[in-house]
C-alpha atoms as a PDB file:
ATOM      1  CA  MET A   1       6.441  18.658  10.775  1.00  0.00           C
ATOM      2  CA  LYS A   2       8.000  16.267   8.004  1.00  0.00           C
ATOM      3  CA  ARG A   3       7.255  13.867  10.552  1.00  0.00           C
ATOM      4  CA  THR A   4       7.325  16.622  11.677  1.00  0.00           C
ATOM      5  CA  ASN A   5       8.446  19.726  12.673  1.00  0.00           C
ATOM      6  CA  PRO A   6       5.872  21.943  10.939  1.00  0.00           C
ATOM      7  CA  GLY A   7       8.558  23.987   9.238  1.00  0.00           C
ATOM      8  CA  THR A   8       9.383  21.066   7.041  1.00  0.00           C
ATOM      9  CA  LEU A   9       6.006  19.435   6.371  1.00  0.00           C
ATOM     10  CA  LEU A  10       6.035  20.090   2.632  1.00  0.00           C
ATOM     11  CA  ASN A  11       9.393  18.527   1.897  1.00  0.00           C
ATOM     12  CA  VAL A  12       9.397  14.968   0.534  1.00  0.00           C
ATOM     13  CA  LEU A  13      13.058  14.375   1.294  1.00  0.00           C
ATOM     14  CA  PHE A  14      14.033  14.663  -2.353  1.00  0.00           C
ATOM     15  CA  VAL A  15      17.271  16.221  -3.527  1.00  0.00           C
ATOM     16  CA  PHE A  16      16.592  17.101  -7.154  1.00  0.00           C
ATOM     17  CA  ALA A  17      19.281  16.397  -9.739  1.00  0.00           C
ATOM     18  CA  ALA A  18      19.556  17.330 -13.417  1.00  0.00           C
ATOM     19  CA  LEU A  19      16.450  16.761 -15.500  1.00  0.00           C
ATOM     20  CA  SER A  20      15.897  15.193 -18.886  1.00  0.00           C
ATOM     21  CA  VAL A  21      12.860  15.560 -21.111  1.00  0.00           C
ATOM     22  CA  GLY A  22      13.145  12.069 -22.605  1.00  0.00           C
ATOM     23  CA  ALA A  23      11.198   9.046 -21.425  1.00  0.00           C
ATOM     24  CA  GLN A  24      13.151   6.411 -19.506  1.00  0.00           C
ATOM     25  CA  VAL A  25      12.867   2.652 -19.497  1.00  0.00           C
ATOM     26  CA  SER A  26      11.063   1.477 -16.375  1.00  0.00           C
ATOM     27  CA  ASP A  27      13.217  -0.466 -13.937  1.00  0.00           C
ATOM     28  CA  ASP A  28      13.641  -0.992 -10.214  1.00  0.00           C
ATOM     29  CA  SER A  29      14.867   2.609  -9.772  1.00  0.00           C
ATOM     30  CA  THR A  30      12.024   4.248 -11.731  1.00  0.00           C
ATOM     31  CA  PHE A  31       8.691   5.389 -10.299  1.00  0.00           C
ATOM     32  CA  SER A  32       6.074   6.207 -12.926  1.00  0.00           C
ATOM     33  CA  LEU A  33       2.832   8.172 -12.701  1.00  0.00           C
ATOM     34  CA  SER A  34       0.164   7.709 -15.361  1.00  0.00           C
ATOM     35  CA  PRO A  35      -3.387   8.995 -15.900  1.00  0.00           C
ATOM     36  CA  GLY A  36      -5.596   7.682 -13.106  1.00  0.00           C
ATOM     37  CA  ASP A  37      -2.807   7.431 -10.515  1.00  0.00           C
ATOM     38  CA  VAL A  38      -3.724  10.621  -8.596  1.00  0.00           C
ATOM     39  CA  THR A  39      -6.940  11.853  -6.974  1.00  0.00           C
ATOM     40  CA  GLU A  40      -6.047  15.499  -6.403  1.00  0.00           C
ATOM     41  CA  ALA A  41      -3.420  18.020  -7.505  1.00  0.00           C
ATOM     42  CA  THR A  42      -2.407  21.340  -5.978  1.00  0.00           C
ATOM     43  CA  ILE A  43      -0.459  24.040  -7.786  1.00  0.00           C
ATOM     44  CA  GLY A  44       1.252  26.484  -5.438  1.00  0.00           C
ATOM     45  CA  ILE A  45       2.952  29.609  -6.766  1.00  0.00           C
ATOM     46  CA  ALA A  46       4.453  31.153  -3.624  1.00  0.00           C
ATOM     47  CA  GLU A  47       8.220  31.441  -4.044  1.00  0.00           C
ATOM     48  CA  GLY A  48       8.166  29.553  -7.330  1.00  0.00           C
ATOM     49  CA  VAL A  49       5.691  27.174  -8.896  1.00  0.00           C
ATOM     50  CA  ARG A  50       5.143  23.834  -7.144  1.00  0.00           C
ATOM     51  CA  LEU A  51       2.940  20.848  -8.000  1.00  0.00           C
ATOM     52  CA  GLN A  52       1.846  18.395  -5.321  1.00  0.00           C
ATOM     53  CA  VAL A  53      -0.349  15.384  -6.099  1.00  0.00           C
ATOM     54  CA  THR A  54      -2.333  12.991  -3.906  1.00  0.00           C
ATOM     55  CA  LEU A  55      -1.848   9.381  -4.932  1.00  0.00           C
ATOM     56  CA  THR A  56      -4.532   6.711  -5.143  1.00  0.00           C
ATOM     57  CA  PRO A  57      -4.326   4.114  -2.330  1.00  0.00           C
ATOM     58  CA  ASP A  58      -2.690   1.557  -4.635  1.00  0.00           C
ATOM     59  CA  LYS A  59      -0.154   4.076  -5.960  1.00  0.00           C
ATOM     60  CA  TYR A  60       0.534   5.332  -2.442  1.00  0.00           C
ATOM     61  CA  ALA A  61       1.379   1.780  -1.352  1.00  0.00           C
ATOM     62  CA  GLU A  62       3.612   1.382  -4.404  1.00  0.00           C
ATOM     63  CA  PHE A  63       5.379   4.702  -3.691  1.00  0.00           C
ATOM     64  CA  THR A  64       6.023   3.741  -0.069  1.00  0.00           C
ATOM     65  CA  GLU A  65       7.465   0.387  -1.098  1.00  0.00           C
ATOM     66  CA  PHE A  66       9.506   2.008  -3.886  1.00  0.00           C
ATOM     67  CA  THR A  67      11.147   4.603  -1.621  1.00  0.00           C
ATOM     68  CA  GLY A  68      11.830   1.995   1.057  1.00  0.00           C
ATOM     69  CA  ARG A  69      13.555  -0.206  -1.524  1.00  0.00           C
ATOM     70  CA  ASN A  70      15.692   2.667  -2.800  1.00  0.00           C
ATOM     71  CA  VAL A  71      16.928   4.365   0.383  1.00  0.00           C
ATOM     72  CA  ASN A  72      20.294   6.078  -0.234  1.00  0.00           C
ATOM     73  CA  LYS A  73      19.891   5.639  -3.979  1.00  0.00           C
ATOM     74  CA  GLN A  74      19.201   7.989  -6.873  1.00  0.00           C
ATOM     75  CA  VAL A  75      15.944   7.242  -8.689  1.00  0.00           C
ATOM     76  CA  ARG A  76      13.896   8.486 -11.623  1.00  0.00           C
ATOM     77  CA  ILE A  77      10.432  10.022 -11.426  1.00  0.00           C
ATOM     78  CA  VAL A  78       8.561   9.637 -14.720  1.00  0.00           C
ATOM     79  CA  VAL A  79       5.218  11.399 -15.257  1.00  0.00           C
ATOM     80  CA  GLY A  80       3.136  10.703 -18.330  1.00  0.00           C
ATOM     81  CA  GLY A  81       6.128   9.087 -20.043  1.00  0.00           C
ATOM     82  CA  LYS A  82       8.478  12.024 -19.366  1.00  0.00           C
ATOM     83  CA  LEU A  83      11.366  12.053 -16.925  1.00  0.00           C
ATOM     84  CA  ARG A  84      10.622  14.808 -14.414  1.00  0.00           C
ATOM     85  CA  SER A  85      13.372  14.454 -11.819  1.00  0.00           C
ATOM     86  CA  GLU A  86      16.148  12.248 -10.524  1.00  0.00           C
ATOM     87  CA  PRO A  87      15.964  12.597  -6.741  1.00  0.00           C
ATOM     88  CA  PHE A  88      18.154  10.959  -4.135  1.00  0.00           C
ATOM     89  CA  ILE A  89      16.014   9.106  -1.604  1.00  0.00           C
ATOM     90  CA  ARG A  90      17.078   9.849   1.946  1.00  0.00           C
ATOM     91  CA  GLU A  91      14.522   7.645   3.702  1.00  0.00           C
ATOM     92  CA  ARG A  92      11.351   5.624   3.194  1.00  0.00           C
ATOM     93  CA  ILE A  93       8.423   7.969   2.481  1.00  0.00           C
ATOM     94  CA  ALA A  94       5.125   6.739   3.898  1.00  0.00           C
ATOM     95  CA  ARG A  95       2.715   9.418   2.734  1.00  0.00           C
ATOM     96  CA  SER A  96       0.020   9.768   0.114  1.00  0.00           C
ATOM     97  CA  THR A  97       1.318  13.002  -1.414  1.00  0.00           C
ATOM     98  CA  MET A  98       4.386  13.734  -3.502  1.00  0.00           C
ATOM     99  CA  ASP A  99       5.853  16.734  -5.290  1.00  0.00           C
ATOM    100  CA  ILE A 100       6.428  16.770  -9.054  1.00  0.00           C
ATOM    101  CA  PHE A 101       9.047  19.010 -10.610  1.00  0.00           C
ATOM    102  CA  VAL A 102       7.509  21.542 -13.004  1.00  0.00           C
ATOM    103  CA  LYS A 103       9.115  24.459 -14.831  1.00  0.00           C
ATOM    104  CA  SER A 104       6.238  26.933 -14.962  1.00  0.00           C
ATOM    105  CA  PRO A 105       2.552  27.394 -14.059  1.00  0.00           C
ATOM    106  CA  GLU A 106       1.683  26.345 -17.618  1.00  0.00           C
ATOM    107  CA  ASP A 107       3.761  23.190 -17.248  1.00  0.00           C
ATOM    108  CA  ALA A 108       2.018  22.446 -13.949  1.00  0.00           C
ATOM    109  CA  VAL A 109      -1.457  22.775 -15.500  1.00  0.00           C
ATOM    110  CA  ALA A 110      -0.412  20.605 -18.453  1.00  0.00           C
ATOM    111  CA  THR A 111       0.795  17.934 -16.015  1.00  0.00           C
ATOM    112  CA  VAL A 112      -2.506  18.075 -14.128  1.00  0.00           C
ATOM    113  CA  LYS A 113      -4.324  17.550 -17.422  1.00  0.00           C
ATOM    114  CA  THR A 114      -2.113  14.559 -18.208  1.00  0.00           C
ATOM    115  CA  LEU A 115      -2.724  12.866 -14.871  1.00  0.00           C
ATOM    116  CA  MET A 116      -6.337  13.743 -14.094  1.00  0.00           C
ATOM    117  CA  THR A 117      -8.320  13.540 -17.325  1.00  0.00           C
ATOM    118  CA  ALA A 118      -8.399   9.761 -17.785  1.00  0.00           C
ATOM    119  CA  THR A 119     -12.136   9.571 -17.008  1.00  0.00           C
ATOM    120  CA  VAL A 120     -13.318  13.218 -16.983  1.00  0.00           C
ATOM    121  CA  GLY A 121     -12.481  16.342 -18.952  1.00  0.00           C
ATOM    122  CA  PHE A 122     -10.351  19.072 -17.431  1.00  0.00           C
ATOM    123  CA  ASP A 123     -13.355  21.412 -17.344  1.00  0.00           C
ATOM    124  CA  GLU A 124     -15.250  18.804 -15.297  1.00  0.00           C
ATOM    125  CA  LEU A 125     -12.708  18.719 -12.476  1.00  0.00           C
ATOM    126  CA  TYR A 126     -13.606  20.461  -9.224  1.00  0.00           C
ATOM    127  CA  LYS A 127     -11.419  23.514  -8.720  1.00  0.00           C
ATOM    128  CA  TRP A 128     -10.904  25.663  -5.635  1.00  0.00           C
ATOM    129  CA  THR A 129      -8.248  27.901  -4.132  1.00  0.00           C
ATOM    130  CA  ASP A 130      -6.971  28.256  -0.585  1.00  0.00           C
ATOM    131  CA  SER A 131      -3.757  29.365   1.095  1.00  0.00           C
ATOM    132  CA  SER A 132      -1.842  26.351  -0.238  1.00  0.00           C
ATOM    133  CA  GLY A 133      -2.687  27.043  -3.899  1.00  0.00           C
ATOM    134  CA  ASN A 134      -5.056  26.007  -6.681  1.00  0.00           C
ATOM    135  CA  HIS A 135      -6.650  22.582  -6.232  1.00  0.00           C
ATOM    136  CA  TYR A 136      -7.972  20.156  -8.865  1.00  0.00           C
ATOM    137  CA  ALA A 137      -9.921  16.995  -8.013  1.00  0.00           C
ATOM    138  CA  GLU A 138     -12.547  14.612  -9.345  1.00  0.00           C
ATOM    139  CA  LYS A 139     -14.541  15.040  -6.125  1.00  0.00           C
ATOM    140  CA  PRO A 140     -15.451  18.260  -4.293  1.00  0.00           C
ATOM    141  CA  PRO A 141     -13.637  19.192  -1.071  1.00  0.00           C
ATOM    142  CA  ALA A 142     -15.285  18.045   2.151  1.00  0.00           C
ATOM    143  CA  ARG A 143     -16.550  21.535   3.004  1.00  0.00           C
ATOM    144  CA  ALA A 144     -18.310  21.773  -0.374  1.00  0.00           C
ATOM    145  CA  ALA A 145     -20.117  18.511   0.392  1.00  0.00           C
ATOM    146  CA  GLY A 146     -21.281  19.899   3.729  1.00  0.00           C
ATOM    147  CA  ALA A 147     -19.006  17.673   5.810  1.00  0.00           C
ATOM    148  CA  ARG A 148     -17.468  20.625   7.579  1.00  0.00           C
ATOM    149  CA  PRO A 149     -18.098  24.385   7.645  1.00  0.00           C
ATOM    150  CA  ASP A 150     -15.472  26.847   6.597  1.00  0.00           C
ATOM    151  CA  LEU A 151     -12.769  27.568   9.141  1.00  0.00           C
ATOM    152  CA  LYS A 152     -13.806  30.001  11.823  1.00  0.00           C
ATOM    153  CA  PRO A 153     -12.088  33.369  11.679  1.00  0.00           C
ATOM    154  CA  ALA A 154      -9.138  33.722  13.994  1.00  0.00           C
ATOM    155  CA  VAL A 155      -9.756  35.832  17.081  1.00  0.00           C
ATOM    156  CA  GLU A 156      -6.963  37.465  19.041  1.00  0.00           C
ATOM    157  CA  ASP A 157      -6.935  36.809  22.809  1.00  0.00           C
ATOM    158  CA  LYS A 158      -3.906  38.078  24.684  1.00  0.00           C
ATOM    159  CA  LYS A 159      -4.662  36.023  27.801  1.00  0.00           C
ATOM    160  CA  VAL A 160      -4.829  32.806  25.787  1.00  0.00           C
ATOM    161  CA  LEU A 161      -1.728  33.783  23.827  1.00  0.00           C
ATOM    162  CA  GLN A 162       0.140  34.137  27.107  1.00  0.00           C
ATOM    163  CA  ILE A 163      -0.160  30.424  27.904  1.00  0.00           C
ATOM    164  CA  LEU A 164       1.754  29.624  24.727  1.00  0.00           C
ATOM    165  CA  GLN A 165       4.757  31.743  25.604  1.00  0.00           C
ATOM    166  CA  GLY A 166       8.135  30.212  26.259  1.00  0.00           C
ATOM    167  CA  SER A 167      10.637  27.671  24.999  1.00  0.00           C
ATOM    168  CA  TRP A 168       9.496  24.074  24.797  1.00  0.00           C
ATOM    169  CA  ARG A 169      10.944  20.643  24.134  1.00  0.00           C
ATOM    170  CA  VAL A 170       9.035  17.599  22.911  1.00  0.00           C
ATOM    171  CA  ALA A 171       8.458  15.121  25.742  1.00  0.00           C
ATOM    172  CA  LYS A 172       6.158  12.737  23.855  1.00  0.00           C
ATOM    173  CA  ALA A 173       4.947  12.264  20.282  1.00  0.00           C
ATOM    174  CA  THR A 174       2.233  10.070  18.780  1.00  0.00           C
ATOM    175  CA  MET A 175       1.008   9.564  15.215  1.00  0.00           C
ATOM    176  CA  ASN A 176      -2.548   8.229  14.868  1.00  0.00           C
ATOM    177  CA  GLY A 177      -2.346   7.223  18.536  1.00  0.00           C
ATOM    178  CA  ARG A 178       0.886   5.250  18.241  1.00  0.00           C
ATOM    179  CA  ALA A 179       4.065   6.340  20.032  1.00  0.00           C
ATOM    180  CA  SER A 180       6.635   7.798  17.640  1.00  0.00           C
ATOM    181  CA  GLY A 181      10.395   7.685  17.950  1.00  0.00           C
ATOM    182  CA  ASP A 182      10.926  10.060  15.017  1.00  0.00           C
ATOM    183  CA  ALA A 183      13.944  12.205  15.917  1.00  0.00           C
ATOM    184  CA  SER A 184      12.640  15.111  13.847  1.00  0.00           C
ATOM    185  CA  LEU A 185       9.680  15.237  16.240  1.00  0.00           C
ATOM    186  CA  LEU A 186      11.355  14.401  19.525  1.00  0.00           C
ATOM    187  CA  GLU A 187      14.422  16.611  19.139  1.00  0.00           C
ATOM    188  CA  GLY A 188      12.606  19.749  18.023  1.00  0.00           C
ATOM    189  CA  HIS A 189      12.617  22.973  20.059  1.00  0.00           C
ATOM    190  CA  TRP A 190       9.532  25.183  19.955  1.00  0.00           C
ATOM    191  CA  VAL A 191       9.473  28.857  20.891  1.00  0.00           C
ATOM    192  CA  LYS A 192       6.152  30.656  20.870  1.00  0.00           C
ATOM    193  CA  GLY A 193       5.466  34.362  20.964  1.00  0.00           C
ATOM    194  CA  ASN A 194       3.611  36.184  18.250  1.00  0.00           C
ATOM    195  CA  GLU A 195       5.614  33.748  16.135  1.00  0.00           C
ATOM    196  CA  LEU A 196       6.215  30.029  16.274  1.00  0.00           C
ATOM    197  CA  ASN A 197       9.852  29.077  15.797  1.00  0.00           C
ATOM    198  CA  VAL A 198      10.747  25.425  15.333  1.00  0.00           C
ATOM    199  CA  GLN A 199      14.288  24.142  15.193  1.00  0.00           C
ATOM    200  CA  SER A 200      15.461  20.571  14.731  1.00  0.00           C
ATOM    201  CA  PRO A 201      18.958  19.132  14.194  1.00  0.00           C
ATOM    202  CA  GLN A 202      17.499  17.026  11.370  1.00  0.00           C
ATOM    203  CA  LYS A 203      15.269  19.545   9.633  1.00  0.00           C
ATOM    204  CA  GLY A 204      16.720  22.972  10.378  1.00  0.00           C
ATOM    205  CA  LYS A 205      14.769  26.068  11.374  1.00  0.00           C
ATOM    206  CA  ALA A 206      11.393  27.469  10.335  1.00  0.00           C
ATOM    207  CA  ARG A 207       9.346  30.500  11.443  1.00  0.00           C
ATOM    208  CA  PHE A 208       5.573  30.943  11.334  1.00  0.00           C
ATOM    209  CA  ALA A 209       3.212  33.790  12.123  1.00  0.00           C
ATOM    210  CA  LEU A 210       0.693  32.665  14.723  1.00  0.00           C
ATOM    211  CA  LYS A 211      -2.961  33.687  14.893  1.00  0.00           C
ATOM    212  CA  LEU A 212      -5.408  32.395  17.490  1.00  0.00           C
ATOM    213  CA  ASP A 213      -8.909  31.039  17.261  1.00  0.00           C
ATOM    214  CA  ALA A 214      -9.433  31.131  21.017  1.00  0.00           C
ATOM    215  CA  SER A 215     -13.213  30.898  20.746  1.00  0.00           C
ATOM    216  CA  ALA A 216     -13.033  27.393  19.278  1.00  0.00           C
ATOM    217  CA  ALA A 217     -13.268  24.191  21.313  1.00  0.00           C
ATOM    218  CA  PRO A 218     -10.632  22.924  21.451  1.00  0.00           C
ATOM    219  CA  LYS A 219      -8.613  26.123  21.045  1.00  0.00           C
ATOM    220  CA  ALA A 220      -6.518  26.417  17.902  1.00  0.00           C
ATOM    221  CA  PHE A 221      -4.004  28.620  16.157  1.00  0.00           C
ATOM    222  CA  GLN A 222      -3.376  29.182  12.471  1.00  0.00           C
ATOM    223  CA  LEU A 223       0.163  29.140  11.071  1.00  0.00           C
ATOM    224  CA  THR A 224       1.389  31.192   8.134  1.00  0.00           C
ATOM    225  CA  PRO A 225       4.980  30.524   6.986  1.00  0.00           C
ATOM    226  CA  LEU A 226       7.491  33.357   7.278  1.00  0.00           C
ATOM    227  CA  GLU A 227      10.800  31.609   6.687  1.00  0.00           C
ATOM    228  CA  PRO A 228      11.048  29.743   4.430  1.00  0.00           C
ATOM    229  CA  ALA A 229       7.923  31.132   2.786  1.00  0.00           C
ATOM    230  CA  THR A 230       7.347  27.930   0.804  1.00  0.00           C
ATOM    231  CA  GLU A 231       6.360  25.920   3.886  1.00  0.00           C
ATOM    232  CA  ALA A 232       2.780  24.838   4.521  1.00  0.00           C
ATOM    233  CA  SER A 233       0.174  26.961   6.239  1.00  0.00           C
ATOM    234  CA  GLY A 234      -2.433  25.320   8.425  1.00  0.00           C
ATOM    235  CA  TRP A 235      -3.939  24.758  11.859  1.00  0.00           C
ATOM    236  CA  MET A 236      -2.895  23.278  15.204  1.00  0.00           C
ATOM    237  CA  LEU A 237      -5.017  22.552  18.240  1.00  0.00           C
ATOM    238  CA  PHE A 238      -3.584  23.322  21.665  1.00  0.00           C
ATOM    239  CA  SER A 239      -4.347  22.670  25.326  1.00  0.00           C
ATOM    240  CA  ARG A 240      -2.427  23.604  28.457  1.00  0.00           C
ATOM    241  CA  GLU A 241      -2.159  20.670  30.861  1.00  0.00           C
ATOM    242  CA  GLY A 242      -0.403  21.809  34.022  1.00  0.00           C
ATOM    243  CA  PRO A 243       3.125  22.872  33.105  1.00  0.00           C
ATOM    244  CA  CYS A 244       2.915  21.083  29.765  1.00  0.00           C
ATOM    245  CA  LEU A 245       1.460  22.154  26.430  1.00  0.00           C
ATOM    246  CA  LYS A 246      -0.327  19.661  24.198  1.00  0.00           C
ATOM    247  CA  ILE A 247      -0.711  20.339  20.477  1.00  0.00           C
ATOM    248  CA  ALA A 248      -2.261  18.357  17.631  1.00  0.00           C
ATOM    249  CA  PHE A 249      -2.049  18.766  13.855  1.00  0.00           C
ATOM    250  CA  TYR A 250      -2.400  16.751  10.698  1.00  0.00           C
ATOM    251  CA  ASP A 251       0.735  15.660   8.860  1.00  0.00           C
ATOM    252  CA  ASN A 252       1.706  18.301   6.306  1.00  0.00           C
ATOM    253  CA  LEU A 253      -0.854  20.606   8.023  1.00  0.00           C
ATOM    254  CA  GLN A 254      -3.564  19.147   5.783  1.00  0.00           C
ATOM    255  CA  GLY A 255      -6.737  20.596   7.259  1.00  0.00           C
ATOM    256  CA  ARG A 256      -7.853  21.307  10.809  1.00  0.00           C
ATOM    257  CA  PRO A 257      -8.215  18.470  13.350  1.00  0.00           C
ATOM    258  CA  GLU A 258     -11.513  18.123  15.198  1.00  0.00           C
ATOM    259  CA  ASN A 259      -9.920  17.025  18.485  1.00  0.00           C
ATOM    260  CA  PHE A 260      -6.956  15.266  20.106  1.00  0.00           C
ATOM    261  CA  GLU A 261      -8.463  11.776  19.953  1.00  0.00           C
ATOM    262  CA  PRO A 262      -6.442   8.982  18.292  1.00  0.00           C
ATOM    263  CA  ARG A 263      -7.482   8.007  14.768  1.00  0.00           C
ATOM    264  CA  GLY A 264      -7.365   4.648  13.021  1.00  0.00           C
ATOM    265  CA  PRO A 265      -3.804   3.368  12.486  1.00  0.00           C
ATOM    266  CA  HIS A 266      -4.015   3.852   8.699  1.00  0.00           C
ATOM    267  CA  ALA A 267      -6.057   7.083   8.632  1.00  0.00           C
ATOM    268  CA  GLU A 268      -4.805   9.803   6.285  1.00  0.00           C
ATOM    269  CA  PRO A 269      -3.574  12.403   6.903  1.00  0.00           C
ATOM    270  CA  GLU A 270      -1.957  11.169  10.100  1.00  0.00           C
ATOM    271  CA  LEU A 271      -2.861  13.011  13.305  1.00  0.00           C
ATOM    272  CA  ILE A 272       0.278  14.025  15.187  1.00  0.00           C
ATOM    273  CA  VAL A 273      -0.049  14.869  18.891  1.00  0.00           C
ATOM    274  CA  LEU A 274       2.911  16.347  20.775  1.00  0.00           C
ATOM    275  CA  THR A 275       3.291  16.917  24.501  1.00  0.00           C
ATOM    276  CA  LEU A 276       5.677  19.813  25.097  1.00  0.00           C
ATOM    277  CA  SER A 277       7.504  20.449  28.367  1.00  0.00           C
ATOM    278  CA  PRO A 278       9.050  23.791  29.359  1.00  0.00           C
ATOM    279  CA  GLU A 279      12.703  23.896  28.406  1.00  0.00           C
ATOM    280  CA  LYS A 280      14.925  24.399  31.431  1.00  0.00           C
END
């Protein structure tokens, strides 16, 4: 699900080129991150170290405009005055998160310190760990503030699992309630068993282990990446509606949706709802 197929939610459509450690002069092809530009950072270490940051609303808007202006061009990503990567932009990226190239866990932590200690010390940041990695933020996660309890444990239910079986094609897709024509959503093929397999001409193939929380309302399943192992883990809601299967998930599998209801047009992360029809 980069917009989505879930097997590709974590990609930001960057093709990384050679790196330089020197600072670059800012120009129309340079995107710079400075202290105060991010609200949260996540360091993942599965299959190599990875740093993902959540941009402030202003920086998110700037990043979206920047990538739209530089489609099919090579650009520079500068973090704290240092050139981190020179990606080739394949398409406009309208999302509040981005990946930063780092060489090691130590380099990732040093980058977090550079970006997130403009107003507070590193020791004052909230820190927590989940399946996606180690998180750092100025504010506590929603569950720590009491906004939502911890995820319910998954419960196996063979009868419920049976309704997910089969090969499916996407008949309809919406993002925050608006119809989507994204080919990576509409042209995906979904096969469910004890695994979820997603294949798209645009995004390739991904495999996930599937575990049910059939006692929840609405019912949900948890995804753990198998191939490639660097993909996101997270939750999807599901409902069988006649011959069709309806599923809902947040873009990049960021958290667990409460229901299938449309959200505000600019809500983040975007809620993606797919209606799947049996493949003939």
